[in-house]
Amino acid sequence: MTFTLHHGDALTFLRTLPDASVDALFTDPPYNSGGRTSVERTARTARAKYTSGDAAHTLADFPGDNRDQRSYGYWLTLLLTEAHRATVESGTALVFTDWRQLPVTSDALQAAGWTWRGVAPWHKPAARPRKGGLKQDCEFVLWATKGPVDAERNPVYLPGLYSASQPRKDRLHITQKPVEVMRQLVRLCPPGGTVLDPFAGSGTTGVAALQEGRRFVGSELSDRYWHIAHRRLTDTARALAEPTGPAA
């Protein structure tokens, strides 16, 4: 399977895609969340918001995570509108979010033309307990389609709940998703189809797509993370191209 990874702004990239040129959108946009007040959400770095104060790693921050609530909703609607245009009829969208941004993300999906189908929790077993309250150990995956569900096009049966911790060994990104979760999710894209991710980060969605026999097209704004994602995608594509058995 092949991949294309653009370096630059997500909305600018999406506007270059032809109509109905991808089969599915699977993406993890910057949440612009991670704080109790507007000041905390818009003034702190991504590292300060999404990692604990005693974290030993030195993972790089990423841009685009300091919008207020109204500008985030407007911006996300623009992005999801362009992704909707670029997706085939009956194509799928899966968008990650957290509990704070779940309402505005569902609004943006529907305002962009997608039909909202449901929410799947992603449970993170290694999350820290919270004294005096509920443990915040879930993020959420919003599921939507462009028009009706075409089950015959890709007759898969997937769970509505996923459980896996963020990578600890060899972790590359602050908000990196587990490959084992993404490999299941990308199966909503028909075999041989094209997965779109305009927020590629460290490239996990693309790696999962290639490993599951799908093509991948994406973009990443951060120069550091673009290089990390490109290396991972290149290594994955090369490994998949290598023969796995004795020559005939």
Protein backbone atom coordinates (compact mmCIF):
# COMPACT_ATOMS: atom_id res chain seq x y z
CA MET A 1 0.00 0.00 0.00
CA THR A 2 1.12 3.56 -0.70
CA PHE A 3 1.02 6.79 1.29
CA THR A 4 1.28 10.54 0.75
CA LEU A 5 2.15 12.87 3.64
CA HIS A 6 1.93 16.60 3.09
CA HIS A 7 3.75 19.13 5.26
CA GLY A 8 1.62 22.12 6.18
CA ASP A 9 -1.70 23.48 7.40
CA ALA A 10 -4.58 20.98 7.50
CA LEU A 11 -7.27 23.23 6.02
CA THR A 12 -5.02 24.39 3.19
CA PHE A 13 -4.18 20.76 2.43
CA LEU A 14 -7.81 19.60 2.50
CA ARG A 15 -8.80 22.23 -0.04
CA THR A 16 -6.39 20.69 -2.55
CA LEU A 17 -8.06 17.26 -2.46
CA PRO A 18 -10.38 16.35 -5.35
CA ASP A 19 -14.04 15.66 -4.66
CA ALA A 20 -14.81 12.09 -3.56
CA SER A 21 -11.13 11.12 -3.61
CA VAL A 22 -10.89 9.35 -0.23
CA ASP A 23 -12.92 6.58 1.36
CA ALA A 24 -12.73 7.47 5.05
CA LEU A 25 -11.62 10.19 7.46
CA PHE A 26 -9.93 8.99 10.65
CA THR A 27 -8.41 11.85 12.60
CA ASP A 28 -7.34 13.18 15.99
CA PRO A 29 -7.45 17.00 15.74
CA PRO A 30 -5.94 19.22 18.44
CA TYR A 31 -8.60 19.21 21.16
CA ASN A 32 -8.00 22.82 22.29
CA SER A 33 -9.04 21.55 25.69
CA GLY A 34 -7.13 20.47 28.79
CA GLY A 35 -8.14 23.18 31.26
CA ARG A 36 -10.89 24.21 33.64
CA THR A 37 -11.02 27.81 32.42
CA SER A 38 -10.68 29.59 29.10
CA VAL A 39 -7.31 31.00 30.20
CA GLU A 40 -5.96 27.54 31.00
CA ARG A 41 -7.10 26.19 27.62
CA THR A 42 -5.78 29.07 25.53
CA ALA A 43 -2.59 30.08 27.37
CA ARG A 44 -0.89 26.80 28.30
CA THR A 45 1.19 24.64 25.98
CA ALA A 46 -0.01 21.25 24.81
CA ARG A 47 2.65 19.60 26.96
CA ALA A 48 1.41 21.46 30.06
CA LYS A 49 -2.21 20.52 29.35
CA TYR A 50 -1.89 16.87 28.37
CA THR A 51 1.02 15.49 30.39
CA SER A 52 1.51 15.29 34.13
CA GLY A 53 3.92 17.65 35.83
CA ASP A 54 6.29 14.84 36.77
CA ALA A 55 6.43 13.29 33.29
CA ALA A 56 9.96 12.16 32.50
CA HIS A 57 9.71 12.33 28.71
CA THR A 58 10.76 15.31 26.58
CA LEU A 59 8.17 15.02 23.82
CA ALA A 60 7.73 18.13 21.69
CA ASP A 61 4.72 20.43 21.88
CA PHE A 62 2.47 20.76 18.85
CA PRO A 63 0.81 23.87 17.36
CA GLY A 64 -2.87 24.72 16.97
CA ASP A 65 -4.10 23.89 20.48
CA ASN A 66 -4.90 27.35 21.89
CA ARG A 67 -8.23 28.32 20.32
CA ASP A 68 -11.16 29.40 22.45
CA GLN A 69 -14.42 27.45 22.29
CA ARG A 70 -16.14 29.48 19.59
CA SER A 71 -13.17 29.67 17.25
CA TYR A 72 -12.49 25.95 17.75
CA GLY A 73 -16.04 25.06 16.72
CA TYR A 74 -15.89 27.29 13.64
CA TRP A 75 -12.43 26.06 12.62
CA LEU A 76 -13.36 22.40 13.06
CA THR A 77 -16.53 22.89 11.02
CA LEU A 78 -14.48 24.31 8.12
CA LEU A 79 -12.12 21.33 8.26
CA LEU A 80 -14.85 18.71 8.45
CA THR A 81 -16.73 20.41 5.59
CA GLU A 82 -13.70 20.07 3.31
CA ALA A 83 -13.17 16.47 4.44
CA HIS A 84 -16.84 15.73 3.71
CA ARG A 85 -16.46 17.07 0.17
CA ALA A 86 -13.35 14.95 -0.39
CA THR A 87 -14.99 11.74 0.87
CA VAL A 88 -17.00 9.32 -1.28
CA GLU A 89 -20.73 8.82 -0.73
CA SER A 90 -21.38 6.51 2.25
CA GLY A 91 -17.79 7.11 3.40
CA THR A 92 -16.97 7.10 7.11
CA ALA A 93 -15.61 9.69 9.52
CA LEU A 94 -14.11 8.89 12.92
CA VAL A 95 -13.03 11.91 14.97
CA PHE A 96 -11.33 11.69 18.37
CA THR A 97 -12.19 14.14 21.15
CA ASP A 98 -12.30 14.44 24.93
CA TRP A 99 -15.19 15.02 27.33
CA ARG A 100 -14.89 18.81 27.25
CA GLN A 101 -15.05 19.06 23.45
CA LEU A 102 -17.51 16.25 22.77
CA PRO A 103 -20.53 18.60 22.34
CA VAL A 104 -18.81 21.06 20.00
CA THR A 105 -17.24 18.24 17.97
CA SER A 106 -20.61 16.59 17.39
CA ASP A 107 -22.04 19.99 16.38
CA ALA A 108 -19.17 20.57 13.92
CA LEU A 109 -19.60 17.13 12.35
CA GLN A 110 -23.28 17.70 11.70
CA ALA A 111 -22.85 21.31 10.55
CA ALA A 112 -20.27 20.05 8.03
CA GLY A 113 -22.84 17.71 6.46
CA TRP A 114 -21.94 14.41 8.12
CA THR A 115 -24.64 12.16 9.58
CA TRP A 116 -23.69 11.45 13.19
CA ARG A 117 -24.00 7.74 13.99
CA GLY A 118 -22.67 7.34 17.52
CA VAL A 119 -19.79 7.52 19.99
CA ALA A 120 -17.28 4.83 20.95
CA PRO A 121 -15.30 5.30 24.18
CA TRP A 122 -11.55 4.68 24.12
CA HIS A 123 -10.68 3.45 27.62
CA LYS A 124 -7.12 4.03 28.86
CA PRO A 125 -6.35 1.56 31.69
CA ALA A 126 -3.15 3.32 32.75
CA ALA A 127 -4.86 6.66 33.50
CA ARG A 128 -4.26 8.00 36.98
CA PRO A 129 -7.01 7.77 39.63
CA ARG A 130 -8.66 10.99 40.77
CA LYS A 131 -9.09 11.59 44.50
CA GLY A 132 -12.62 12.65 45.38
CA GLY A 133 -14.05 12.10 41.90
CA LEU A 134 -14.36 9.96 38.83
CA LYS A 135 -11.26 8.76 37.04
CA GLN A 136 -10.85 10.48 33.66
CA ASP A 137 -9.76 7.41 31.75
CA CYS A 138 -11.72 7.77 28.50
CA GLU A 139 -11.52 9.70 25.29
CA PHE A 140 -14.21 9.39 22.65
CA VAL A 141 -14.47 8.52 18.97
CA LEU A 142 -17.36 10.14 17.11
CA TRP A 143 -18.63 8.05 14.22
CA ALA A 144 -20.37 9.62 11.22
CA THR A 145 -21.06 8.88 7.57
CA LYS A 146 -21.50 10.87 4.40
CA GLY A 147 -25.07 9.92 3.66
CA PRO A 148 -26.40 6.43 4.36
CA VAL A 149 -24.40 3.52 5.73
CA ASP A 150 -23.53 1.11 2.92
CA ALA A 151 -22.94 -2.09 4.88
CA GLU A 152 -22.55 -4.19 1.74
CA ARG A 153 -19.60 -2.09 0.61
CA ASN A 154 -17.61 -3.14 3.66
CA PRO A 155 -19.47 -5.68 5.84
CA VAL A 156 -17.44 -5.44 9.04
CA TYR A 157 -18.53 -5.82 12.66
CA LEU A 158 -16.53 -3.66 15.05
CA PRO A 159 -16.77 -3.16 18.83
CA GLY A 160 -18.28 -0.03 20.35
CA LEU A 161 -15.65 0.14 23.10
CA TYR A 162 -11.84 0.07 22.86
CA SER A 163 -9.37 -0.42 25.70
CA ALA A 164 -5.63 0.18 25.39
CA SER A 165 -3.14 2.51 27.04
CA GLN A 166 -1.10 5.10 25.22
CA PRO A 167 2.33 3.82 24.19
CA ARG A 168 4.90 4.08 26.96
CA LYS A 169 7.99 2.52 25.43
CA ASP A 170 9.24 4.44 22.38
CA ARG A 171 6.40 6.99 22.65
CA LEU A 172 6.78 9.69 19.99
CA HIS A 173 3.89 12.15 20.49
CA ILE A 174 2.15 13.71 23.49
CA THR A 175 -1.29 12.48 22.39
CA GLN A 176 -0.19 9.36 20.49
CA LYS A 177 -2.88 6.70 19.95
CA PRO A 178 -2.26 2.94 20.26
CA VAL A 179 -1.63 1.22 16.93
CA GLU A 180 -3.74 -1.76 18.03
CA VAL A 181 -6.80 0.49 18.43
CA MET A 182 -6.25 2.30 15.15
CA ARG A 183 -5.78 -0.98 13.26
CA GLN A 184 -9.28 -2.01 14.29
CA LEU A 185 -10.84 1.35 13.48
CA VAL A 186 -9.35 1.70 10.00
CA ARG A 187 -11.19 -1.48 9.00
CA LEU A 188 -14.23 0.75 8.53
CA CYS A 189 -12.46 1.83 5.34
CA PRO A 190 -12.99 -0.80 2.61
CA PRO A 191 -9.92 -2.95 1.80
CA GLY A 192 -7.70 -1.15 -0.70
CA GLY A 193 -9.43 2.16 0.02
CA THR A 194 -7.84 5.46 1.02
CA VAL A 195 -7.72 6.71 4.61
CA LEU A 196 -7.45 10.48 5.17
CA ASP A 197 -5.91 12.10 8.27
CA PRO A 198 -5.19 15.85 8.10
CA PHE A 199 -3.65 15.76 11.61
CA ALA A 200 -1.13 12.96 11.15
CA GLY A 201 0.92 13.66 14.30
CA SER A 202 3.46 10.86 14.63
CA GLY A 203 1.77 8.88 11.85
CA THR A 204 -0.08 6.20 13.85
CA THR A 205 -3.26 6.30 11.75
CA GLY A 206 -1.21 5.99 8.58
CA VAL A 207 0.83 3.10 9.96
CA ALA A 208 -2.38 1.29 10.93
CA ALA A 209 -3.91 1.95 7.51
CA LEU A 210 -0.91 0.53 5.66
CA GLN A 211 -0.76 -2.50 7.94
CA GLU A 212 -4.45 -3.19 7.23
CA GLY A 213 -4.07 -2.96 3.46
CA ARG A 214 -5.37 0.57 2.96
CA ARG A 215 -3.77 3.56 1.25
CA PHE A 216 -3.06 6.67 3.30
CA VAL A 217 -3.06 10.40 2.60
CA GLY A 218 -2.44 12.95 5.33
CA SER A 219 -0.80 16.15 6.45
CA GLU A 220 1.09 17.42 9.49
CA LEU A 221 1.90 21.03 10.40
CA SER A 222 4.74 20.45 12.87
CA ASP A 223 8.09 20.06 11.15
CA ARG A 224 9.37 17.72 13.87
CA TYR A 225 6.33 15.47 13.82
CA TRP A 226 6.12 15.48 10.01
CA HIS A 227 9.61 13.97 9.87
CA ILE A 228 8.73 11.40 12.56
CA ALA A 229 5.52 10.41 10.74
CA HIS A 230 7.22 10.24 7.36
CA ARG A 231 9.94 7.96 8.75
CA ARG A 232 7.39 5.64 10.39
CA LEU A 233 5.28 5.45 7.24
CA THR A 234 8.31 4.81 5.07
CA ASP A 235 9.55 2.07 7.40
CA THR A 236 6.10 0.46 7.50
CA ALA A 237 5.66 0.54 3.73
CA ARG A 238 9.14 -0.93 3.24
CA ALA A 239 8.53 -3.72 5.77
CA LEU A 240 5.21 -4.63 4.15
CA ALA A 241 6.86 -4.75 0.72
CA GLU A 242 9.52 -7.22 1.85
CA PRO A 243 8.84 -10.89 1.06
CA THR A 244 7.74 -12.87 4.11
CA GLY A 245 8.48 -16.36 2.87
CA PRO A 246 10.89 -18.31 0.65
CA ALA A 247 11.07 -17.34 -2.99
CA ALA A 248 8.91 -19.42 -5.32
